Amino acid sequence: MNNRITIPEDPMSRFRDLYAALEKDRRWWRDTRRLRYAAMAAVGCEGTPVNVAQGIRRMEKALKEASPWHLNIGAHMRFIVAALLYQNRDSGRGFMNELRRVRKLFRGERLPRTLVFELIAVLILRIQAGGATVSQSTVRRLRDIYQEMKRHHRFLTGADDLPACAILTGQEGTATKLVDRTEAIYGELRAQGFQKGNPLQTTANVLSLAPGLPHELAGRATSLKQRFKSKGVRINQRDYDELAILSFLSQPTSRVVDRVLAQRAQLKQIRPKIDRATTFDLAAGITFLELAGRQVHARMLSGTKAMIDMQAIVAAQQAVLVCAAGAAVAASASSG
């Protein structure tokens, strides 16, 4: 496994070319959402758009073939995982074998069980290890970070925090020191008007990777939120992680927000039409890559952004299931 991420000069053009290449081979009945997120995850891949799209599809097929029935991760997740594995020159079978092995280690450390979040966590650990086998000591470090989070937020911390724990596992410092920093950022964000809950905890975890003091990072996120509001864009809890990514940028708030809105306007022209929430997700990621340029931390965070995108898709899938269940209940009631 050999990382080959490059930050393109024009991330928007690269995204559009990759998405067009993936869309070209899409069957008409297939959902396009997975292709958009896969294209975003693959922006840093080397190669022509056609070659990258073909590589992602081959990897997605390999993942599907290597997945036993009890580890069916679904087409949406599979496409993004395929893009990241292709970018890092991994293999579908190799990753699935590692997923099965590390999940057993998770069980031994009594970590919570939810396949999609375990998968994201294992993928992060594997990328951070450069494709090497994830060690028992790494899993124990993840457990220590998880338990520290649980100490601060007993009822809030759960399986959905495993990806954030995996990201923090790759950072320097003790579990206590790392989580104390994320908790300080969480408190500063709450003091500046952000709503408490799971989205804010994820935001604090991501922001802890950025340089700066907790009140400075929270202040940057608050300035971005206020600037978006002045431009007619309401930031809700679902958008908090995008604010976290944009808060890494050192450019003036006005420039960052203007670039996000400009990128969003371009995304709205793409067909099939992209929904409003997704245009904001993608525009924030593209803006980050554009303004971060070739800074060292941009290479690290391009991977982090892809993990957050996967969590957004998981949330969207859960929302679809809730709506479907609600519709079924309503239909049952009306027929009775």
C-alpha atoms as a PDB file:
ATOM      1  CA  MET A   1       0.000   0.000   0.000  1.00  0.00           C
ATOM      2  CA  ASN A   2       1.562   3.259  -1.153  1.00  0.00           C
ATOM      3  CA  ASN A   3      -0.167   6.597  -0.667  1.00  0.00           C
ATOM      4  CA  ARG A   4      -0.308   8.586  -3.885  1.00  0.00           C
ATOM      5  CA  ILE A   5      -2.416  11.618  -2.966  1.00  0.00           C
ATOM      6  CA  THR A   6      -1.895  14.803  -4.955  1.00  0.00           C
ATOM      7  CA  ILE A   7      -3.735  18.076  -4.435  1.00  0.00           C
ATOM      8  CA  PRO A   8      -4.918  19.233  -7.892  1.00  0.00           C
ATOM      9  CA  GLU A   9      -4.476  22.825  -9.030  1.00  0.00           C
ATOM     10  CA  ASP A  10      -8.198  23.075  -9.799  1.00  0.00           C
ATOM     11  CA  PRO A  11     -10.127  20.702  -7.463  1.00  0.00           C
ATOM     12  CA  MET A  12     -13.516  21.654  -8.936  1.00  0.00           C
ATOM     13  CA  SER A  13     -12.507  20.740 -12.483  1.00  0.00           C
ATOM     14  CA  ARG A  14     -10.960  17.521 -11.211  1.00  0.00           C
ATOM     15  CA  PHE A  15     -14.141  16.637  -9.300  1.00  0.00           C
ATOM     16  CA  ARG A  16     -16.366  17.330 -12.295  1.00  0.00           C
ATOM     17  CA  ASP A  17     -14.167  15.264 -14.608  1.00  0.00           C
ATOM     18  CA  LEU A  18     -14.087  12.336 -12.190  1.00  0.00           C
ATOM     19  CA  TYR A  19     -17.818  12.503 -11.580  1.00  0.00           C
ATOM     20  CA  ALA A  20     -18.502  12.601 -15.338  1.00  0.00           C
ATOM     21  CA  ALA A  21     -16.264   9.558 -15.846  1.00  0.00           C
ATOM     22  CA  LEU A  22     -18.075   7.632 -13.099  1.00  0.00           C
ATOM     23  CA  GLU A  23     -21.501   8.784 -14.285  1.00  0.00           C
ATOM     24  CA  LYS A  24     -20.797   7.620 -17.832  1.00  0.00           C
ATOM     25  CA  ASP A  25     -20.957   3.956 -16.802  1.00  0.00           C
ATOM     26  CA  ARG A  26     -23.893   4.311 -14.396  1.00  0.00           C
ATOM     27  CA  ARG A  27     -26.982   2.199 -15.022  1.00  0.00           C
ATOM     28  CA  TRP A  28     -30.026   4.479 -15.280  1.00  0.00           C
ATOM     29  CA  TRP A  29     -31.701   3.052 -12.183  1.00  0.00           C
ATOM     30  CA  ARG A  30     -28.676   3.454  -9.927  1.00  0.00           C
ATOM     31  CA  ASP A  31     -28.500   6.298  -7.381  1.00  0.00           C
ATOM     32  CA  THR A  32     -26.006   9.039  -8.313  1.00  0.00           C
ATOM     33  CA  ARG A  33     -25.245  10.131  -4.748  1.00  0.00           C
ATOM     34  CA  ARG A  34     -22.593   7.469  -4.184  1.00  0.00           C
ATOM     35  CA  LEU A  35     -20.779   8.549  -7.354  1.00  0.00           C
ATOM     36  CA  ARG A  36     -20.599  12.177  -6.195  1.00  0.00           C
ATOM     37  CA  TYR A  37     -19.037  11.267  -2.872  1.00  0.00           C
ATOM     38  CA  ALA A  38     -16.727   8.747  -4.517  1.00  0.00           C
ATOM     39  CA  ALA A  39     -15.563  11.441  -6.945  1.00  0.00           C
ATOM     40  CA  MET A  40     -14.917  13.786  -4.005  1.00  0.00           C
ATOM     41  CA  ALA A  41     -12.948  11.100  -2.182  1.00  0.00           C
ATOM     42  CA  ALA A  42     -10.921  10.434  -5.349  1.00  0.00           C
ATOM     43  CA  VAL A  43      -9.982  14.050  -6.120  1.00  0.00           C
ATOM     44  CA  GLY A  44      -6.475  13.345  -4.830  1.00  0.00           C
ATOM     45  CA  CYS A  45      -5.949  10.225  -6.985  1.00  0.00           C
ATOM     46  CA  GLU A  46      -3.304  10.310  -9.689  1.00  0.00           C
ATOM     47  CA  GLY A  47      -4.225   9.274 -13.233  1.00  0.00           C
ATOM     48  CA  THR A  48      -6.683  10.319 -15.915  1.00  0.00           C
ATOM     49  CA  PRO A  49     -10.351  10.603 -14.870  1.00  0.00           C
ATOM     50  CA  VAL A  50     -11.239   7.605 -17.043  1.00  0.00           C
ATOM     51  CA  ASN A  51      -8.494   5.444 -15.534  1.00  0.00           C
ATOM     52  CA  VAL A  52      -9.391   6.492 -11.986  1.00  0.00           C
ATOM     53  CA  ALA A  53     -13.100   5.784 -12.581  1.00  0.00           C
ATOM     54  CA  GLN A  54     -12.278   2.358 -13.994  1.00  0.00           C
ATOM     55  CA  GLY A  55      -9.967   1.650 -11.074  1.00  0.00           C
ATOM     56  CA  ILE A  56     -12.673   2.593  -8.562  1.00  0.00           C
ATOM     57  CA  ARG A  57     -15.220   0.355 -10.263  1.00  0.00           C
ATOM     58  CA  ARG A  58     -12.770  -2.573 -10.309  1.00  0.00           C
ATOM     59  CA  MET A  59     -12.047  -2.019  -6.621  1.00  0.00           C
ATOM     60  CA  GLU A  60     -15.767  -1.783  -5.828  1.00  0.00           C
ATOM     61  CA  LYS A  61     -16.342  -5.106  -7.593  1.00  0.00           C
ATOM     62  CA  ALA A  62     -13.441  -6.696  -5.693  1.00  0.00           C
ATOM     63  CA  LEU A  63     -14.882  -5.444  -2.391  1.00  0.00           C
ATOM     64  CA  LYS A  64     -18.286  -6.865  -3.240  1.00  0.00           C
ATOM     65  CA  GLU A  65     -16.826 -10.238  -4.164  1.00  0.00           C
ATOM     66  CA  ALA A  66     -14.692 -10.353  -1.000  1.00  0.00           C
ATOM     67  CA  SER A  67     -17.578  -9.405   1.319  1.00  0.00           C
ATOM     68  CA  PRO A  68     -19.360 -12.284   3.071  1.00  0.00           C
ATOM     69  CA  TRP A  69     -23.110 -11.989   3.548  1.00  0.00           C
ATOM     70  CA  HIS A  70     -22.753 -10.826   7.166  1.00  0.00           C
ATOM     71  CA  LEU A  71     -20.385  -8.000   6.152  1.00  0.00           C
ATOM     72  CA  ASN A  72     -22.515  -6.445   3.439  1.00  0.00           C
ATOM     73  CA  ILE A  73     -21.523  -2.766   3.594  1.00  0.00           C
ATOM     74  CA  GLY A  74     -23.897  -1.511   0.920  1.00  0.00           C
ATOM     75  CA  ALA A  75     -23.220   0.093  -2.457  1.00  0.00           C
ATOM     76  CA  HIS A  76     -23.009   3.688  -1.153  1.00  0.00           C
ATOM     77  CA  MET A  77     -20.283   2.943   1.356  1.00  0.00           C
ATOM     78  CA  ARG A  78     -18.575   0.467  -0.943  1.00  0.00           C
ATOM     79  CA  PHE A  79     -17.959   3.048  -3.664  1.00  0.00           C
ATOM     80  CA  ILE A  80     -16.274   5.509  -1.307  1.00  0.00           C
ATOM     81  CA  VAL A  81     -14.221   2.797   0.370  1.00  0.00           C
ATOM     82  CA  ALA A  82     -13.199   1.653  -3.112  1.00  0.00           C
ATOM     83  CA  ALA A  83     -12.071   5.180  -4.023  1.00  0.00           C
ATOM     84  CA  LEU A  84      -9.895   5.435  -0.912  1.00  0.00           C
ATOM     85  CA  LEU A  85      -8.443   1.941  -1.315  1.00  0.00           C
ATOM     86  CA  TYR A  86      -7.641   2.675  -4.962  1.00  0.00           C
ATOM     87  CA  GLN A  87      -6.009   5.971  -4.000  1.00  0.00           C
ATOM     88  CA  ASN A  88      -3.791   4.155  -1.491  1.00  0.00           C
ATOM     89  CA  ARG A  89      -3.040   1.185  -3.764  1.00  0.00           C
ATOM     90  CA  ASP A  90      -4.688  -1.269  -1.426  1.00  0.00           C
ATOM     91  CA  SER A  91      -6.728  -4.334  -2.375  1.00  0.00           C
ATOM     92  CA  GLY A  92     -10.359  -5.149  -1.753  1.00  0.00           C
ATOM     93  CA  ARG A  93      -9.681  -8.640  -0.422  1.00  0.00           C
ATOM     94  CA  GLY A  94      -6.797  -7.434   1.746  1.00  0.00           C
ATOM     95  CA  PHE A  95      -8.970  -4.767   3.340  1.00  0.00           C
ATOM     96  CA  MET A  96     -11.885  -7.129   3.984  1.00  0.00           C
ATOM     97  CA  ASN A  97      -9.550  -9.642   5.643  1.00  0.00           C
ATOM     98  CA  GLU A  98      -8.185  -6.856   7.843  1.00  0.00           C
ATOM     99  CA  LEU A  99     -11.705  -5.669   8.662  1.00  0.00           C
ATOM    100  CA  ARG A 100     -12.656  -9.136   9.929  1.00  0.00           C
ATOM    101  CA  ARG A 101      -9.469  -9.428  11.971  1.00  0.00           C
ATOM    102  CA  VAL A 102      -9.612  -5.975  13.567  1.00  0.00           C
ATOM    103  CA  ARG A 103     -13.312  -6.303  14.405  1.00  0.00           C
ATOM    104  CA  LYS A 104     -12.357  -9.310  16.533  1.00  0.00           C
ATOM    105  CA  LEU A 105      -9.791  -7.128  18.301  1.00  0.00           C
ATOM    106  CA  PHE A 106     -12.524  -4.540  18.852  1.00  0.00           C
ATOM    107  CA  ARG A 107     -14.668  -7.248  20.451  1.00  0.00           C
ATOM    108  CA  GLY A 108     -11.801  -8.172  22.755  1.00  0.00           C
ATOM    109  CA  GLU A 109     -11.593  -4.540  23.933  1.00  0.00           C
ATOM    110  CA  ARG A 110     -15.372  -4.351  24.365  1.00  0.00           C
ATOM    111  CA  LEU A 111     -15.832  -1.573  21.853  1.00  0.00           C
ATOM    112  CA  PRO A 112     -19.373  -0.958  20.549  1.00  0.00           C
ATOM    113  CA  ARG A 113     -20.661  -2.911  17.556  1.00  0.00           C
ATOM    114  CA  THR A 114     -21.979  -1.147  14.474  1.00  0.00           C
ATOM    115  CA  LEU A 115     -20.570  -2.351  11.164  1.00  0.00           C
ATOM    116  CA  VAL A 116     -20.523   0.921   9.212  1.00  0.00           C
ATOM    117  CA  PHE A 117     -18.650   2.840  11.907  1.00  0.00           C
ATOM    118  CA  GLU A 118     -16.298  -0.048  12.603  1.00  0.00           C
ATOM    119  CA  LEU A 119     -15.537  -0.209   8.882  1.00  0.00           C
ATOM    120  CA  ILE A 120     -14.706   3.500   8.714  1.00  0.00           C
ATOM    121  CA  ALA A 121     -12.516   3.228  11.814  1.00  0.00           C
ATOM    122  CA  VAL A 122     -10.608   0.236  10.447  1.00  0.00           C
ATOM    123  CA  LEU A 123     -10.111   2.004   7.114  1.00  0.00           C
ATOM    124  CA  ILE A 124      -8.684   5.059   8.879  1.00  0.00           C
ATOM    125  CA  LEU A 125      -6.346   2.907  10.983  1.00  0.00           C
ATOM    126  CA  ARG A 126      -5.212   1.013   7.893  1.00  0.00           C
ATOM    127  CA  ILE A 127      -4.458   4.198   5.950  1.00  0.00           C
ATOM    128  CA  GLN A 128      -2.633   5.695   8.937  1.00  0.00           C
ATOM    129  CA  ALA A 129      -0.550   2.512   9.192  1.00  0.00           C
ATOM    130  CA  GLY A 130       0.415   2.769   5.516  1.00  0.00           C
ATOM    131  CA  GLY A 131      -1.292  -0.532   4.776  1.00  0.00           C
ATOM    132  CA  ALA A 132       0.509  -2.422   7.524  1.00  0.00           C
ATOM    133  CA  THR A 133      -1.354  -4.723   9.893  1.00  0.00           C
ATOM    134  CA  VAL A 134      -3.201  -2.781  12.583  1.00  0.00           C
ATOM    135  CA  SER A 135      -1.558  -3.752  15.871  1.00  0.00           C
ATOM    136  CA  GLN A 136      -3.158  -4.754  19.143  1.00  0.00           C
ATOM    137  CA  SER A 137      -1.506  -1.753  20.807  1.00  0.00           C
ATOM    138  CA  THR A 138      -3.155   0.587  18.290  1.00  0.00           C
ATOM    139  CA  VAL A 139      -6.562  -0.904  19.038  1.00  0.00           C
ATOM    140  CA  ARG A 140      -5.920  -0.503  22.769  1.00  0.00           C
ATOM    141  CA  ARG A 141      -4.998   3.135  22.202  1.00  0.00           C
ATOM    142  CA  LEU A 142      -8.266   3.616  20.329  1.00  0.00           C
ATOM    143  CA  ARG A 143     -10.077   1.974  23.255  1.00  0.00           C
ATOM    144  CA  ASP A 144      -8.395   4.332  25.718  1.00  0.00           C
ATOM    145  CA  ILE A 145      -9.462   7.363  23.664  1.00  0.00           C
ATOM    146  CA  TYR A 146     -13.016   6.016  23.423  1.00  0.00           C
ATOM    147  CA  GLN A 147     -13.180   5.466  27.186  1.00  0.00           C
ATOM    148  CA  GLU A 148     -11.928   9.011  27.809  1.00  0.00           C
ATOM    149  CA  MET A 149     -14.674  10.363  25.541  1.00  0.00           C
ATOM    150  CA  LYS A 150     -17.159   8.208  27.414  1.00  0.00           C
ATOM    151  CA  ARG A 151     -15.964   9.692  30.694  1.00  0.00           C
ATOM    152  CA  HIS A 152     -16.855  13.199  29.476  1.00  0.00           C
ATOM    153  CA  HIS A 153     -20.054  12.264  27.615  1.00  0.00           C
ATOM    154  CA  ARG A 154     -21.391   9.009  28.987  1.00  0.00           C
ATOM    155  CA  PHE A 155     -24.629   8.931  27.032  1.00  0.00           C
ATOM    156  CA  LEU A 156     -23.443  10.835  23.967  1.00  0.00           C
ATOM    157  CA  THR A 157     -20.428   8.681  23.087  1.00  0.00           C
ATOM    158  CA  GLY A 158     -21.159   5.560  21.066  1.00  0.00           C
ATOM    159  CA  ALA A 159     -20.246   3.557  17.983  1.00  0.00           C
ATOM    160  CA  ASP A 160     -20.543   6.652  15.784  1.00  0.00           C
ATOM    161  CA  ASP A 161     -17.454   8.062  17.556  1.00  0.00           C
ATOM    162  CA  LEU A 162     -15.189   5.164  16.541  1.00  0.00           C
ATOM    163  CA  PRO A 163     -14.013   6.933  13.325  1.00  0.00           C
ATOM    164  CA  ALA A 164     -13.048  10.047  15.316  1.00  0.00           C
ATOM    165  CA  CYS A 165     -11.244   7.857  17.854  1.00  0.00           C
ATOM    166  CA  ALA A 166      -9.354   6.221  14.988  1.00  0.00           C
ATOM    167  CA  ILE A 167      -8.283   9.619  13.635  1.00  0.00           C
ATOM    168  CA  LEU A 168      -7.110  10.712  17.092  1.00  0.00           C
ATOM    169  CA  THR A 169      -5.212   7.443  17.506  1.00  0.00           C
ATOM    170  CA  GLY A 170      -2.754   8.704  14.899  1.00  0.00           C
ATOM    171  CA  GLN A 171      -2.053  11.913  16.835  1.00  0.00           C
ATOM    172  CA  GLU A 172       0.706  12.456  19.402  1.00  0.00           C
ATOM    173  CA  GLY A 173      -0.123  12.578  23.110  1.00  0.00           C
ATOM    174  CA  THR A 174      -1.866  10.463  25.709  1.00  0.00           C
ATOM    175  CA  ALA A 175      -5.525   9.585  25.409  1.00  0.00           C
ATOM    176  CA  THR A 176      -6.304  11.923  28.305  1.00  0.00           C
ATOM    177  CA  LYS A 177      -4.436  14.832  26.731  1.00  0.00           C
ATOM    178  CA  LEU A 178      -6.064  14.348  23.317  1.00  0.00           C
ATOM    179  CA  VAL A 179      -9.603  14.111  24.682  1.00  0.00           C
ATOM    180  CA  ASP A 180      -9.086  16.988  27.118  1.00  0.00           C
ATOM    181  CA  ARG A 181      -8.274  19.147  24.074  1.00  0.00           C
ATOM    182  CA  THR A 182     -11.384  18.014  22.174  1.00  0.00           C
ATOM    183  CA  GLU A 183     -13.489  18.610  25.284  1.00  0.00           C
ATOM    184  CA  ALA A 184     -12.072  22.123  25.676  1.00  0.00           C
ATOM    185  CA  ILE A 185     -12.997  22.858  22.062  1.00  0.00           C
ATOM    186  CA  TYR A 186     -16.467  21.382  22.635  1.00  0.00           C
ATOM    187  CA  GLY A 187     -16.955  23.689  25.612  1.00  0.00           C
ATOM    188  CA  GLU A 188     -15.805  26.750  23.668  1.00  0.00           C
ATOM    189  CA  LEU A 189     -18.171  25.934  20.811  1.00  0.00           C
ATOM    190  CA  ARG A 190     -21.066  25.513  23.235  1.00  0.00           C
ATOM    191  CA  ALA A 191     -20.213  28.870  24.832  1.00  0.00           C
ATOM    192  CA  GLN A 192     -20.374  30.495  21.389  1.00  0.00           C
ATOM    193  CA  GLY A 193     -23.862  29.214  20.617  1.00  0.00           C
ATOM    194  CA  PHE A 194     -23.374  25.842  18.925  1.00  0.00           C
ATOM    195  CA  GLN A 195     -25.930  23.173  19.846  1.00  0.00           C
ATOM    196  CA  LYS A 196     -24.683  20.313  21.991  1.00  0.00           C
ATOM    197  CA  GLY A 197     -24.972  16.760  20.718  1.00  0.00           C
ATOM    198  CA  ASN A 198     -23.286  14.182  18.479  1.00  0.00           C
ATOM    199  CA  PRO A 199     -22.587  16.565  15.547  1.00  0.00           C
ATOM    200  CA  LEU A 200     -20.811  19.002  17.870  1.00  0.00           C
ATOM    201  CA  GLN A 201     -18.734  16.222  19.421  1.00  0.00           C
ATOM    202  CA  THR A 202     -17.582  15.147  15.942  1.00  0.00           C
ATOM    203  CA  THR A 203     -16.812  18.774  15.084  1.00  0.00           C
ATOM    204  CA  ALA A 204     -14.689  19.208  18.211  1.00  0.00           C
ATOM    205  CA  ASN A 205     -12.814  15.994  17.438  1.00  0.00           C
ATOM    206  CA  VAL A 206     -11.972  17.182  13.913  1.00  0.00           C
ATOM    207  CA  LEU A 207     -11.057  20.695  15.058  1.00  0.00           C
ATOM    208  CA  SER A 208      -8.636  19.254  17.600  1.00  0.00           C
ATOM    209  CA  LEU A 209      -6.399  18.273  14.680  1.00  0.00           C
ATOM    210  CA  ALA A 210      -5.979  21.915  13.675  1.00  0.00           C
ATOM    211  CA  PRO A 211      -3.240  24.135  15.124  1.00  0.00           C
ATOM    212  CA  GLY A 212      -4.420  26.760  17.597  1.00  0.00           C
ATOM    213  CA  LEU A 213      -5.927  27.195  21.040  1.00  0.00           C
ATOM    214  CA  PRO A 214      -9.482  25.935  21.707  1.00  0.00           C
ATOM    215  CA  HIS A 215     -10.998  29.438  21.904  1.00  0.00           C
ATOM    216  CA  GLU A 216      -9.242  30.447  18.651  1.00  0.00           C
ATOM    217  CA  LEU A 217     -10.578  27.411  16.781  1.00  0.00           C
ATOM    218  CA  ALA A 218     -14.088  27.906  18.135  1.00  0.00           C
ATOM    219  CA  GLY A 219     -13.892  31.583  17.214  1.00  0.00           C
ATOM    220  CA  ARG A 220     -12.915  30.720  13.653  1.00  0.00           C
ATOM    221  CA  ALA A 221     -15.859  28.323  13.314  1.00  0.00           C
ATOM    222  CA  THR A 222     -18.204  30.942  14.783  1.00  0.00           C
ATOM    223  CA  SER A 223     -16.977  33.603  12.340  1.00  0.00           C
ATOM    224  CA  LEU A 224     -17.612  31.264   9.427  1.00  0.00           C
ATOM    225  CA  LYS A 225     -21.090  30.456  10.715  1.00  0.00           C
ATOM    226  CA  GLN A 226     -21.954  34.140  11.057  1.00  0.00           C
ATOM    227  CA  ARG A 227     -20.556  34.965   7.619  1.00  0.00           C
ATOM    228  CA  PHE A 228     -22.629  32.225   6.005  1.00  0.00           C
ATOM    229  CA  LYS A 229     -25.715  33.539   7.801  1.00  0.00           C
ATOM    230  CA  SER A 230     -25.065  37.036   6.457  1.00  0.00           C
ATOM    231  CA  LYS A 231     -25.005  35.490   2.970  1.00  0.00           C
ATOM    232  CA  GLY A 232     -28.354  33.759   3.493  1.00  0.00           C
ATOM    233  CA  VAL A 233     -26.976  30.295   4.270  1.00  0.00           C
ATOM    234  CA  ARG A 234     -28.228  28.807   7.519  1.00  0.00           C
ATOM    235  CA  ILE A 235     -25.783  26.465   9.226  1.00  0.00           C
ATOM    236  CA  ASN A 236     -27.457  23.637  11.125  1.00  0.00           C
ATOM    237  CA  GLN A 237     -26.020  20.715  13.068  1.00  0.00           C
ATOM    238  CA  ARG A 238     -25.572  18.643   9.937  1.00  0.00           C
ATOM    239  CA  ASP A 239     -23.162  21.284   8.593  1.00  0.00           C
ATOM    240  CA  TYR A 240     -20.953  21.520  11.691  1.00  0.00           C
ATOM    241  CA  ASP A 241     -18.312  19.130  10.363  1.00  0.00           C
ATOM    242  CA  GLU A 242     -17.963  21.214   7.201  1.00  0.00           C
ATOM    243  CA  LEU A 243     -17.300  24.271   9.364  1.00  0.00           C
ATOM    244  CA  ALA A 244     -14.608  22.254  11.143  1.00  0.00           C
ATOM    245  CA  ILE A 245     -12.821  21.471   7.896  1.00  0.00           C
ATOM    246  CA  LEU A 246     -13.069  25.083   6.683  1.00  0.00           C
ATOM    247  CA  SER A 247     -11.729  26.307  10.045  1.00  0.00           C
ATOM    248  CA  PHE A 248      -8.333  24.815   9.184  1.00  0.00           C
ATOM    249  CA  LEU A 249      -7.875  27.469   6.509  1.00  0.00           C
ATOM    250  CA  SER A 250      -5.825  30.551   7.330  1.00  0.00           C
ATOM    251  CA  GLN A 251      -7.479  32.789   4.717  1.00  0.00           C
ATOM    252  CA  PRO A 252      -9.948  35.536   5.766  1.00  0.00           C
ATOM    253  CA  THR A 253     -13.431  34.301   6.591  1.00  0.00           C
ATOM    254  CA  SER A 254     -14.957  36.362   3.777  1.00  0.00           C
ATOM    255  CA  ARG A 255     -12.726  34.707   1.170  1.00  0.00           C
ATOM    256  CA  VAL A 256     -13.470  31.198   2.448  1.00  0.00           C
ATOM    257  CA  VAL A 257     -17.244  31.732   2.453  1.00  0.00           C
ATOM    258  CA  ASP A 258     -17.250  33.423  -0.953  1.00  0.00           C
ATOM    259  CA  ARG A 259     -15.328  30.496  -2.457  1.00  0.00           C
ATOM    260  CA  VAL A 260     -17.726  27.943  -0.928  1.00  0.00           C
ATOM    261  CA  LEU A 261     -20.708  29.805  -2.394  1.00  0.00           C
ATOM    262  CA  ALA A 262     -19.004  30.104  -5.785  1.00  0.00           C
ATOM    263  CA  GLN A 263     -18.230  26.373  -5.825  1.00  0.00           C
ATOM    264  CA  ARG A 264     -21.777  25.603  -4.735  1.00  0.00           C
ATOM    265  CA  ALA A 265     -23.153  27.630  -7.627  1.00  0.00           C
ATOM    266  CA  GLN A 266     -21.108  25.494 -10.034  1.00  0.00           C
ATOM    267  CA  LEU A 267     -22.303  22.270  -8.403  1.00  0.00           C
ATOM    268  CA  LYS A 268     -25.925  23.348  -8.838  1.00  0.00           C
ATOM    269  CA  GLN A 269     -25.377  23.292 -12.608  1.00  0.00           C
ATOM    270  CA  ILE A 270     -24.461  19.588 -12.619  1.00  0.00           C
ATOM    271  CA  ARG A 271     -27.053  17.110 -13.860  1.00  0.00           C
ATOM    272  CA  PRO A 272     -28.604  14.995 -12.491  1.00  0.00           C
ATOM    273  CA  LYS A 273     -29.393  17.743  -9.987  1.00  0.00           C
ATOM    274  CA  ILE A 274     -27.616  17.594  -6.633  1.00  0.00           C
ATOM    275  CA  ASP A 275     -29.634  18.288  -3.490  1.00  0.00           C
ATOM    276  CA  ARG A 276     -28.870  21.401  -1.408  1.00  0.00           C
ATOM    277  CA  ALA A 277     -27.296  19.597   1.547  1.00  0.00           C
ATOM    278  CA  THR A 278     -24.929  17.654  -0.690  1.00  0.00           C
ATOM    279  CA  THR A 279     -23.885  20.752  -2.650  1.00  0.00           C
ATOM    280  CA  PHE A 280     -22.776  22.341   0.619  1.00  0.00           C
ATOM    281  CA  ASP A 281     -20.844  19.223   1.669  1.00  0.00           C
ATOM    282  CA  LEU A 282     -19.031  19.000  -1.650  1.00  0.00           C
ATOM    283  CA  ALA A 283     -18.447  22.757  -1.993  1.00  0.00           C
ATOM    284  CA  ALA A 284     -16.823  22.887   1.445  1.00  0.00           C
ATOM    285  CA  GLY A 285     -14.513  19.994   0.621  1.00  0.00           C
ATOM    286  CA  ILE A 286     -13.532  21.410  -2.761  1.00  0.00           C
ATOM    287  CA  THR A 287     -12.920  24.858  -1.251  1.00  0.00           C
ATOM    288  CA  PHE A 288     -10.729  23.340   1.430  1.00  0.00           C
ATOM    289  CA  LEU A 289      -8.561  21.577  -1.146  1.00  0.00           C
ATOM    290  CA  GLU A 290      -8.398  24.690  -3.315  1.00  0.00           C
ATOM    291  CA  LEU A 291      -7.345  27.102  -0.564  1.00  0.00           C
ATOM    292  CA  ALA A 292      -5.170  24.699   1.399  1.00  0.00           C
ATOM    293  CA  GLY A 293      -3.094  24.145  -1.730  1.00  0.00           C
ATOM    294  CA  ARG A 294      -0.115  21.916  -1.114  1.00  0.00           C
ATOM    295  CA  GLN A 295       0.293  22.516   2.588  1.00  0.00           C
ATOM    296  CA  VAL A 296       1.386  19.442   4.516  1.00  0.00           C
ATOM    297  CA  HIS A 297      -1.722  19.230   6.668  1.00  0.00           C
ATOM    298  CA  ALA A 298      -3.939  19.395   3.565  1.00  0.00           C
ATOM    299  CA  ARG A 299      -2.701  15.961   2.542  1.00  0.00           C
ATOM    300  CA  MET A 300      -3.741  14.529   5.890  1.00  0.00           C
ATOM    301  CA  LEU A 301      -7.111  16.251   5.932  1.00  0.00           C
ATOM    302  CA  SER A 302      -8.131  15.234   2.421  1.00  0.00           C
ATOM    303  CA  GLY A 303      -8.437  11.749   3.880  1.00  0.00           C
ATOM    304  CA  THR A 304     -10.219  13.060   6.972  1.00  0.00           C
ATOM    305  CA  LYS A 305     -12.751  14.856   4.766  1.00  0.00           C
ATOM    306  CA  ALA A 306     -13.531  11.609   2.976  1.00  0.00           C
ATOM    307  CA  MET A 307     -14.230   9.924   6.315  1.00  0.00           C
ATOM    308  CA  ILE A 308     -16.631  12.706   7.251  1.00  0.00           C
ATOM    309  CA  ASP A 309     -18.340  12.340   3.868  1.00  0.00           C
ATOM    310  CA  MET A 310     -18.889   8.672   4.594  1.00  0.00           C
ATOM    311  CA  GLN A 311     -20.474   9.534   7.934  1.00  0.00           C
ATOM    312  CA  ALA A 312     -22.762  11.994   6.125  1.00  0.00           C
ATOM    313  CA  ILE A 313     -23.878   9.226   3.762  1.00  0.00           C
ATOM    314  CA  VAL A 314     -24.557   6.917   6.695  1.00  0.00           C
ATOM    315  CA  ALA A 315     -26.727   9.635   8.239  1.00  0.00           C
ATOM    316  CA  ALA A 316     -28.554  10.132   4.929  1.00  0.00           C
ATOM    317  CA  GLN A 317     -29.225   6.403   4.617  1.00  0.00           C
ATOM    318  CA  GLN A 318     -30.582   6.331   8.172  1.00  0.00           C
ATOM    319  CA  ALA A 319     -32.859   9.277   7.345  1.00  0.00           C
ATOM    320  CA  VAL A 320     -34.184   7.409   4.308  1.00  0.00           C
ATOM    321  CA  LEU A 321     -34.959   4.385   6.483  1.00  0.00           C
ATOM    322  CA  VAL A 322     -36.754   6.557   9.044  1.00  0.00           C
ATOM    323  CA  CYS A 323     -38.848   8.220   6.326  1.00  0.00           C
ATOM    324  CA  ALA A 324     -39.681   4.847   4.789  1.00  0.00           C
ATOM    325  CA  ALA A 325     -40.707   3.474   8.185  1.00  0.00           C
ATOM    326  CA  GLY A 326     -42.844   6.552   8.827  1.00  0.00           C
ATOM    327  CA  ALA A 327     -44.529   6.204   5.450  1.00  0.00           C
ATOM    328  CA  ALA A 328     -45.222   2.525   6.123  1.00  0.00           C
ATOM    329  CA  VAL A 329     -46.820   3.346   9.490  1.00  0.00           C
ATOM    330  CA  ALA A 330     -48.931   6.080   7.914  1.00  0.00           C
ATOM    331  CA  ALA A 331     -50.066   3.749   5.122  1.00  0.00           C
ATOM    332  CA  SER A 332     -50.925   1.052   7.627  1.00  0.00           C
ATOM    333  CA  ALA A 333     -52.949   3.491   9.723  1.00  0.00           C
ATOM    334  CA  SER A 334     -54.881   4.822   6.736  1.00  0.00           C
ATOM    335  CA  SER A 335     -55.681   1.340   5.445  1.00  0.00           C
ATOM    336  CA  GLY A 336     -56.956   0.319   8.881  1.00  0.00           C
END
